[in-house]
Amino acid sequence: MTKKTEDGASRRDFLKMAATAAPAAAVVVATTGGAAEAAEPDLSSDKMQDTAHTRAYFDSARF
């Protein structure tokens, strides 16, 4: 009752890759600090800007 996929990828292969990629991504974020400098706000735009204020809000809203 085993099904082989034609392209060689399966759910189990995806889970193996995800299990090894997640810790590697966490190490990269931990070593680089994970934070880049916020951009200067564009006052002519009506869209949400990536500023220090919005980053501080998002950091405080984390659980």
C-alpha atoms as a PDB file:
ATOM      1  CA  MET A   1       0.000   0.000   0.000  1.00  0.00           C
ATOM      2  CA  THR A   2       2.888   2.392  -0.464  1.00  0.00           C
ATOM      3  CA  LYS A   3       2.519   5.114  -3.030  1.00  0.00           C
ATOM      4  CA  LYS A   4       5.585   6.363  -4.809  1.00  0.00           C
ATOM      5  CA  THR A   5       5.534   9.880  -6.152  1.00  0.00           C
ATOM      6  CA  GLU A   6       6.623  10.418  -9.717  1.00  0.00           C
ATOM      7  CA  ASP A   7       8.838  13.433  -9.012  1.00  0.00           C
ATOM      8  CA  GLY A   8      10.664  11.828  -6.093  1.00  0.00           C
ATOM      9  CA  ALA A   9       9.421  14.247  -3.441  1.00  0.00           C
ATOM     10  CA  SER A  10       7.181  13.083  -0.661  1.00  0.00           C
ATOM     11  CA  ARG A  11       5.725  14.439   2.522  1.00  0.00           C
ATOM     12  CA  ARG A  12       8.343  12.586   4.548  1.00  0.00           C
ATOM     13  CA  ASP A  13      11.155  14.155   2.498  1.00  0.00           C
ATOM     14  CA  PHE A  14       9.658  17.588   3.086  1.00  0.00           C
ATOM     15  CA  LEU A  15       9.458  17.013   6.846  1.00  0.00           C
ATOM     16  CA  LYS A  16      13.072  15.828   6.941  1.00  0.00           C
ATOM     17  CA  MET A  17      14.169  18.962   5.095  1.00  0.00           C
ATOM     18  CA  ALA A  18      12.058  21.211   7.320  1.00  0.00           C
ATOM     19  CA  ALA A  19      13.460  19.594  10.466  1.00  0.00           C
ATOM     20  CA  THR A  20      17.015  20.386   9.403  1.00  0.00           C
ATOM     21  CA  ALA A  21      16.346  23.796   7.846  1.00  0.00           C
ATOM     22  CA  ALA A  22      14.503  25.368  10.795  1.00  0.00           C
ATOM     23  CA  PRO A  23      17.388  25.132  13.294  1.00  0.00           C
ATOM     24  CA  ALA A  24      19.814  26.345  10.640  1.00  0.00           C
ATOM     25  CA  ALA A  25      17.638  29.405  10.007  1.00  0.00           C
ATOM     26  CA  ALA A  26      17.452  30.083  13.738  1.00  0.00           C
ATOM     27  CA  VAL A  27      21.251  29.992  13.985  1.00  0.00           C
ATOM     28  CA  VAL A  28      21.594  32.455  11.109  1.00  0.00           C
ATOM     29  CA  VAL A  29      19.153  34.876  12.736  1.00  0.00           C
ATOM     30  CA  ALA A  30      20.851  34.533  16.116  1.00  0.00           C
ATOM     31  CA  THR A  31      24.320  35.205  14.738  1.00  0.00           C
ATOM     32  CA  THR A  32      23.347  38.140  12.542  1.00  0.00           C
ATOM     33  CA  GLY A  33      21.157  39.799  15.151  1.00  0.00           C
ATOM     34  CA  GLY A  34      18.071  39.479  12.985  1.00  0.00           C
ATOM     35  CA  ALA A  35      17.481  43.217  12.828  1.00  0.00           C
ATOM     36  CA  ALA A  36      18.375  45.570  10.046  1.00  0.00           C
ATOM     37  CA  GLU A  37      18.170  49.317  10.189  1.00  0.00           C
ATOM     38  CA  ALA A  38      14.748  50.787   9.536  1.00  0.00           C
ATOM     39  CA  ALA A  39      14.336  52.968   6.478  1.00  0.00           C
ATOM     40  CA  GLU A  40      13.581  56.667   6.524  1.00  0.00           C
ATOM     41  CA  PRO A  41       9.820  57.261   6.208  1.00  0.00           C
ATOM     42  CA  ASP A  42       8.452  58.460   2.879  1.00  0.00           C
ATOM     43  CA  LEU A  43       5.947  61.147   3.870  1.00  0.00           C
ATOM     44  CA  SER A  44       4.330  61.262   0.438  1.00  0.00           C
ATOM     45  CA  SER A  45       3.223  57.608   0.647  1.00  0.00           C
ATOM     46  CA  ASP A  46      -0.001  56.523   2.353  1.00  0.00           C
ATOM     47  CA  LYS A  47       1.190  52.919   2.859  1.00  0.00           C
ATOM     48  CA  MET A  48       2.637  51.550   6.083  1.00  0.00           C
ATOM     49  CA  GLN A  49       6.347  52.358   6.327  1.00  0.00           C
ATOM     50  CA  ASP A  50       9.163  50.264   7.757  1.00  0.00           C
ATOM     51  CA  THR A  51      10.326  52.615  10.501  1.00  0.00           C
ATOM     52  CA  ALA A  52      11.822  52.237  13.959  1.00  0.00           C
ATOM     53  CA  HIS A  53       8.383  52.969  15.419  1.00  0.00           C
ATOM     54  CA  THR A  54       6.654  50.142  13.518  1.00  0.00           C
ATOM     55  CA  ARG A  55       9.478  47.730  14.360  1.00  0.00           C
ATOM     56  CA  ALA A  56       9.177  48.606  18.050  1.00  0.00           C
ATOM     57  CA  TYR A  57       5.434  47.973  17.886  1.00  0.00           C
ATOM     58  CA  PHE A  58       5.867  44.594  16.195  1.00  0.00           C
ATOM     59  CA  ASP A  59       8.533  43.600  18.730  1.00  0.00           C
ATOM     60  CA  SER A  60       6.233  44.491  21.636  1.00  0.00           C
ATOM     61  CA  ALA A  61       3.292  42.625  20.078  1.00  0.00           C
ATOM     62  CA  ARG A  62       5.113  39.264  20.015  1.00  0.00           C
ATOM     63  CA  PHE A  63       4.016  36.604  22.447  1.00  0.00           C
END
